[in-house]
């Protein structure tokens, strides 16, 4: 199967509100997890682990 790639641009600023910074981190995390091509349960465990690592913050 041939993969189709897309290019996107994201701007980042140190002055971003914490909620925006967290959203950007989650976006990058999910993009990377999709590229790993792991099963859904493993992906869910990794996302759950990273959310707990931040003290349970999940402001989506």
PDB file of N, CA and C in Angstrom:
ATOM      1  N   UNK A   1       0.836  -1.177   0.000  1.00  0.00           N
ATOM      2  CA  UNK A   1       0.000   0.000   0.000  1.00  0.00           C
ATOM      3  C   UNK A   1       0.886   1.247   0.000  1.00  0.00           C
ATOM      4  N   UNK A   2       0.543   2.171  -0.858  1.00  0.00           N
ATOM      5  CA  UNK A   2       1.320   3.399  -0.967  1.00  0.00           C
ATOM      6  C   UNK A   2       0.775   4.445   0.004  1.00  0.00           C
ATOM      7  N   UNK A   3       1.681   5.086   0.750  1.00  0.00           N
ATOM      8  CA  UNK A   3       1.272   6.125   1.691  1.00  0.00           C
ATOM      9  C   UNK A   3       1.174   7.461   0.984  1.00  0.00           C
ATOM     10  N   UNK A   4       0.164   8.226   1.357  1.00  0.00           N
ATOM     11  CA  UNK A   4       0.034   9.586   0.851  1.00  0.00           C
ATOM     12  C   UNK A   4       0.475  10.538   1.950  1.00  0.00           C
ATOM     13  N   UNK A   5       1.323  11.470   1.612  1.00  0.00           N
ATOM     14  CA  UNK A   5       1.840  12.406   2.592  1.00  0.00           C
ATOM     15  C   UNK A   5       1.258  13.793   2.370  1.00  0.00           C
ATOM     16  N   UNK A   6       1.081  14.503   3.449  1.00  0.00           N
ATOM     17  CA  UNK A   6       0.649  15.888   3.372  1.00  0.00           C
ATOM     18  C   UNK A   6       1.623  16.737   4.178  1.00  0.00           C
ATOM     19  N   UNK A   7       1.712  17.971   3.816  1.00  0.00           N
ATOM     20  CA  UNK A   7       2.594  18.899   4.513  1.00  0.00           C
ATOM     21  C   UNK A   7       1.735  19.949   5.185  1.00  0.00           C
ATOM     22  N   UNK A   8       2.032  20.231   6.421  1.00  0.00           N
ATOM     23  CA  UNK A   8       1.305  21.253   7.162  1.00  0.00           C
ATOM     24  C   UNK A   8       2.284  22.185   7.837  1.00  0.00           C
ATOM     25  N   UNK A   9       1.820  23.346   8.178  1.00  0.00           N
ATOM     26  CA  UNK A   9       2.660  24.329   8.848  1.00  0.00           C
ATOM     27  C   UNK A   9       2.016  24.708  10.166  1.00  0.00           C
ATOM     28  N   UNK A  10       2.805  24.679  11.225  1.00  0.00           N
ATOM     29  CA  UNK A  10       2.325  25.059  12.548  1.00  0.00           C
ATOM     30  C   UNK A  10       3.284  26.101  13.100  1.00  0.00           C
ATOM     31  N   UNK A  11       2.738  27.188  13.583  1.00  0.00           N
ATOM     32  CA  UNK A  11       3.553  28.235  14.202  1.00  0.00           C
ATOM     33  C   UNK A  11       3.532  28.042  15.711  1.00  0.00           C
ATOM     34  N   UNK A  12       4.655  28.304  16.340  1.00  0.00           N
ATOM     35  CA  UNK A  12       4.758  28.154  17.786  1.00  0.00           C
ATOM     36  C   UNK A  12       5.349  29.422  18.379  1.00  0.00           C
ATOM     37  N   UNK A  13       4.785  29.853  19.483  1.00  0.00           N
ATOM     38  CA  UNK A  13       5.274  31.042  20.172  1.00  0.00           C
ATOM     39  C   UNK A  13       5.389  30.740  21.657  1.00  0.00           C
ATOM     40  N   UNK A  14       6.415  31.253  22.288  1.00  0.00           N
ATOM     41  CA  UNK A  14       6.600  31.067  23.732  1.00  0.00           C
ATOM     42  C   UNK A  14       5.461  31.705  24.525  1.00  0.00           C
ATOM     43  N   UNK A  15       4.784  32.687  23.935  1.00  0.00           N
ATOM     44  CA  UNK A  15       3.715  33.393  24.623  1.00  0.00           C
ATOM     45  C   UNK A  15       2.361  32.682  24.515  1.00  0.00           C
ATOM     46  N   UNK A  16       2.329  31.492  23.924  1.00  0.00           N
ATOM     47  CA  UNK A  16       1.067  30.752  23.782  1.00  0.00           C
ATOM     48  C   UNK A  16       0.481  30.439  25.151  1.00  0.00           C
ATOM     49  N   UNK A  17      -0.848  30.467  25.274  1.00  0.00           N
ATOM     50  CA  UNK A  17      -1.468  30.008  26.529  1.00  0.00           C
ATOM     51  C   UNK A  17      -1.158  28.525  26.745  1.00  0.00           C
ATOM     52  N   UNK A  18      -1.174  28.114  27.996  1.00  0.00           N
ATOM     53  CA  UNK A  18      -0.854  26.718  28.322  1.00  0.00           C
ATOM     54  C   UNK A  18      -1.754  25.730  27.595  1.00  0.00           C
ATOM     55  N   UNK A  19      -3.035  26.055  27.451  1.00  0.00           N
ATOM     56  CA  UNK A  19      -3.959  25.147  26.766  1.00  0.00           C
ATOM     57  C   UNK A  19      -3.571  24.969  25.300  1.00  0.00           C
ATOM     58  N   UNK A  20      -3.117  26.033  24.654  1.00  0.00           N
ATOM     59  CA  UNK A  20      -2.691  25.947  23.254  1.00  0.00           C
ATOM     60  C   UNK A  20      -1.406  25.145  23.123  1.00  0.00           C
ATOM     61  N   UNK A  21      -0.502  25.344  24.067  1.00  0.00           N
ATOM     62  CA  UNK A  21       0.753  24.583  24.053  1.00  0.00           C
ATOM     63  C   UNK A  21       0.470  23.087  24.226  1.00  0.00           C
ATOM     64  N   UNK A  22      -0.432  22.757  25.141  1.00  0.00           N
ATOM     65  CA  UNK A  22      -0.796  21.357  25.368  1.00  0.00           C
ATOM     66  C   UNK A  22      -1.449  20.760  24.126  1.00  0.00           C
ATOM     67  N   UNK A  23      -2.328  21.525  23.467  1.00  0.00           N
ATOM     68  CA  UNK A  23      -2.980  21.065  22.245  1.00  0.00           C
ATOM     69  C   UNK A  23      -1.948  20.754  21.167  1.00  0.00           C
ATOM     70  N   UNK A  24      -0.955  21.637  21.019  1.00  0.00           N
ATOM     71  CA  UNK A  24       0.087  21.429  20.017  1.00  0.00           C
ATOM     72  C   UNK A  24       0.916  20.186  20.334  1.00  0.00           C
ATOM     73  N   UNK A  25       1.253  19.994  21.607  1.00  0.00           N
ATOM     74  CA  UNK A  25       2.006  18.798  22.005  1.00  0.00           C
ATOM     75  C   UNK A  25       1.215  17.534  21.701  1.00  0.00           C
ATOM     76  N   UNK A  26      -0.083  17.540  21.981  1.00  0.00           N
ATOM     77  CA  UNK A  26      -0.922  16.370  21.697  1.00  0.00           C
ATOM     78  C   UNK A  26      -1.021  16.104  20.202  1.00  0.00           C
ATOM     79  N   UNK A  27      -1.115  17.160  19.408  1.00  0.00           N
ATOM     80  CA  UNK A  27      -1.170  17.010  17.958  1.00  0.00           C
ATOM     81  C   UNK A  27       0.092  16.332  17.438  1.00  0.00           C
ATOM     82  N   UNK A  28       1.241  16.802  17.855  1.00  0.00           N
ATOM     83  CA  UNK A  28       2.516  16.216  17.428  1.00  0.00           C
ATOM     84  C   UNK A  28       2.617  14.768  17.899  1.00  0.00           C
ATOM     85  N   UNK A  29       2.199  14.518  19.137  1.00  0.00           N
ATOM     86  CA  UNK A  29       2.234  13.160  19.682  1.00  0.00           C
ATOM     87  C   UNK A  29       1.392  12.198  18.838  1.00  0.00           C
ATOM     88  N   UNK A  30       0.199  12.607  18.473  1.00  0.00           N
ATOM     89  CA  UNK A  30      -0.682  11.725  17.697  1.00  0.00           C
ATOM     90  C   UNK A  30      -0.186  11.517  16.278  1.00  0.00           C
ATOM     91  N   UNK A  31       0.399  12.552  15.700  1.00  0.00           N
ATOM     92  CA  UNK A  31       0.979  12.392  14.360  1.00  0.00           C
ATOM     93  C   UNK A  31       2.109  11.381  14.399  1.00  0.00           C
ATOM     94  N   UNK A  32       2.979  11.477  15.394  1.00  0.00           N
ATOM     95  CA  UNK A  32       4.089  10.533  15.519  1.00  0.00           C
ATOM     96  C   UNK A  32       3.597   9.114  15.780  1.00  0.00           C
ATOM     97  N   UNK A  33       2.571   8.966  16.607  1.00  0.00           N
ATOM     98  CA  UNK A  33       2.029   7.632  16.885  1.00  0.00           C
ATOM     99  C   UNK A  33       1.450   6.988  15.631  1.00  0.00           C
ATOM    100  N   UNK A  34       0.817   7.777  14.790  1.00  0.00           N
ATOM    101  CA  UNK A  34       0.290   7.219  13.539  1.00  0.00           C
ATOM    102  C   UNK A  34       1.408   6.740  12.633  1.00  0.00           C
ATOM    103  N   UNK A  35       2.527   7.436  12.650  1.00  0.00           N
ATOM    104  CA  UNK A  35       3.661   7.039  11.813  1.00  0.00           C
ATOM    105  C   UNK A  35       4.319   5.753  12.312  1.00  0.00           C
ATOM    106  N   UNK A  36       4.181   5.446  13.599  1.00  0.00           N
ATOM    107  CA  UNK A  36       4.758   4.216  14.148  1.00  0.00           C
ATOM    108  C   UNK A  36       4.002   2.980  13.681  1.00  0.00           C
ATOM    109  N   UNK A  37       2.770   3.164  13.251  1.00  0.00           N
ATOM    110  CA  UNK A  37       1.949   2.056  12.758  1.00  0.00           C
ATOM    111  C   UNK A  37       1.805   0.952  13.802  1.00  0.00           C
ATOM    112  N   UNK A  38       1.412   1.348  15.018  1.00  0.00           N
ATOM    113  CA  UNK A  38       1.160   0.388  16.092  1.00  0.00           C
ATOM    114  C   UNK A  38      -0.338   0.140  16.193  1.00  0.00           C
ATOM    115  N   UNK A  39      -0.719  -0.931  16.873  1.00  0.00           N
ATOM    116  CA  UNK A  39      -2.140  -1.229  17.004  1.00  0.00           C
ATOM    117  C   UNK A  39      -2.806  -0.205  17.923  1.00  0.00           C
ATOM    118  N   UNK A  40      -4.105  -0.117  17.840  1.00  0.00           N
ATOM    119  CA  UNK A  40      -4.878   0.910  18.532  1.00  0.00           C
ATOM    120  C   UNK A  40      -4.720   0.817  20.052  1.00  0.00           C
ATOM    121  N   UNK A  41      -4.670  -0.396  20.590  1.00  0.00           N
ATOM    122  CA  UNK A  41      -4.550  -0.536  22.049  1.00  0.00           C
ATOM    123  C   UNK A  41      -3.204  -0.020  22.549  1.00  0.00           C
ATOM    124  N   UNK A  42      -2.143  -0.253  21.804  1.00  0.00           N
ATOM    125  CA  UNK A  42      -0.829   0.262  22.182  1.00  0.00           C
ATOM    126  C   UNK A  42      -0.810   1.786  22.085  1.00  0.00           C
ATOM    127  N   UNK A  43      -1.422   2.324  21.037  1.00  0.00           N
ATOM    128  CA  UNK A  43      -1.500   3.774  20.877  1.00  0.00           C
ATOM    129  C   UNK A  43      -2.256   4.399  22.055  1.00  0.00           C
ATOM    130  N   UNK A  44      -3.355   3.775  22.463  1.00  0.00           N
ATOM    131  CA  UNK A  44      -4.139   4.278  23.590  1.00  0.00           C
ATOM    132  C   UNK A  44      -3.332   4.242  24.887  1.00  0.00           C
ATOM    133  N   UNK A  45      -2.562   3.182  25.091  1.00  0.00           N
ATOM    134  CA  UNK A  45      -1.735   3.080  26.297  1.00  0.00           C
ATOM    135  C   UNK A  45      -0.675   4.177  26.325  1.00  0.00           C
ATOM    136  N   UNK A  46      -0.065   4.459  25.186  1.00  0.00           N
ATOM    137  CA  UNK A  46       0.960   5.506  25.126  1.00  0.00           C
ATOM    138  C   UNK A  46       0.361   6.888  25.385  1.00  0.00           C
ATOM    139  N   UNK A  47      -0.812   7.151  24.823  1.00  0.00           N
ATOM    140  CA  UNK A  47      -1.477   8.433  25.065  1.00  0.00           C
ATOM    141  C   UNK A  47      -1.872   8.551  26.536  1.00  0.00           C
ATOM    142  N   UNK A  48      -2.393   7.473  27.102  1.00  0.00           N
ATOM    143  CA  UNK A  48      -2.768   7.469  28.514  1.00  0.00           C
ATOM    144  C   UNK A  48      -1.553   7.714  29.398  1.00  0.00           C
ATOM    145  N   UNK A  49      -0.438   7.088  29.081  1.00  0.00           N
ATOM    146  CA  UNK A  49       0.794   7.269  29.856  1.00  0.00           C
ATOM    147  C   UNK A  49       1.258   8.718  29.803  1.00  0.00           C
ATOM    148  N   UNK A  50       1.258   9.313  28.626  1.00  0.00           N
ATOM    149  CA  UNK A  50       1.738  10.691  28.506  1.00  0.00           C
ATOM    150  C   UNK A  50       0.797  11.665  29.206  1.00  0.00           C
ATOM    151  N   UNK A  51      -0.505  11.362  29.236  1.00  0.00           N
ATOM    152  CA  UNK A  51      -1.459  12.216  29.943  1.00  0.00           C
ATOM    153  C   UNK A  51      -1.233  12.140  31.444  1.00  0.00           C
ATOM    154  N   UNK A  52      -1.011  10.942  31.971  1.00  0.00           N
ATOM    155  CA  UNK A  52      -0.721  10.783  33.404  1.00  0.00           C
ATOM    156  C   UNK A  52       0.587  11.453  33.771  1.00  0.00           C
ATOM    157  N   UNK A  53       1.557  11.413  32.875  1.00  0.00           N
ATOM    158  CA  UNK A  53       2.861  12.023  33.118  1.00  0.00           C
ATOM    159  C   UNK A  53       2.726  13.521  33.376  1.00  0.00           C
ATOM    160  N   UNK A  54       1.716  14.146  32.777  1.00  0.00           N
ATOM    161  CA  UNK A  54       1.479  15.575  32.953  1.00  0.00           C
ATOM    162  C   UNK A  54       0.579  15.849  34.165  1.00  0.00           C
ATOM    163  N   UNK A  55       0.368  14.860  34.992  1.00  0.00           N
ATOM    164  CA  UNK A  55      -0.450  15.058  36.185  1.00  0.00           C
ATOM    165  C   UNK A  55      -1.926  14.962  35.933  1.00  0.00           C
ATOM    166  N   UNK A  56      -2.313  14.224  34.880  1.00  0.00           N
ATOM    167  CA  UNK A  56      -3.721  14.010  34.604  1.00  0.00           C
ATOM    168  C   UNK A  56      -4.384  15.149  33.859  1.00  0.00           C
ATOM    169  N   UNK A  57      -3.613  16.136  33.425  1.00  0.00           N
ATOM    170  CA  UNK A  57      -4.190  17.237  32.674  1.00  0.00           C
ATOM    171  C   UNK A  57      -4.569  16.743  31.295  1.00  0.00           C
ATOM    172  N   UNK A  58      -5.792  16.964  30.926  1.00  0.00           N
ATOM    173  CA  UNK A  58      -6.251  16.605  29.594  1.00  0.00           C
ATOM    174  C   UNK A  58      -7.280  17.631  29.181  1.00  0.00           C
ATOM    175  N   UNK A  59      -6.799  18.763  28.678  1.00  0.00           N
ATOM    176  CA  UNK A  59      -7.672  19.895  28.377  1.00  0.00           C
ATOM    177  C   UNK A  59      -8.026  19.950  26.910  1.00  0.00           C
ATOM    178  N   UNK A  60      -8.610  18.922  26.370  1.00  0.00           N
ATOM    179  CA  UNK A  60      -8.975  18.911  24.952  1.00  0.00           C
ATOM    180  C   UNK A  60     -10.293  19.581  24.744  1.00  0.00           C
TER     181      UNK A  60
END
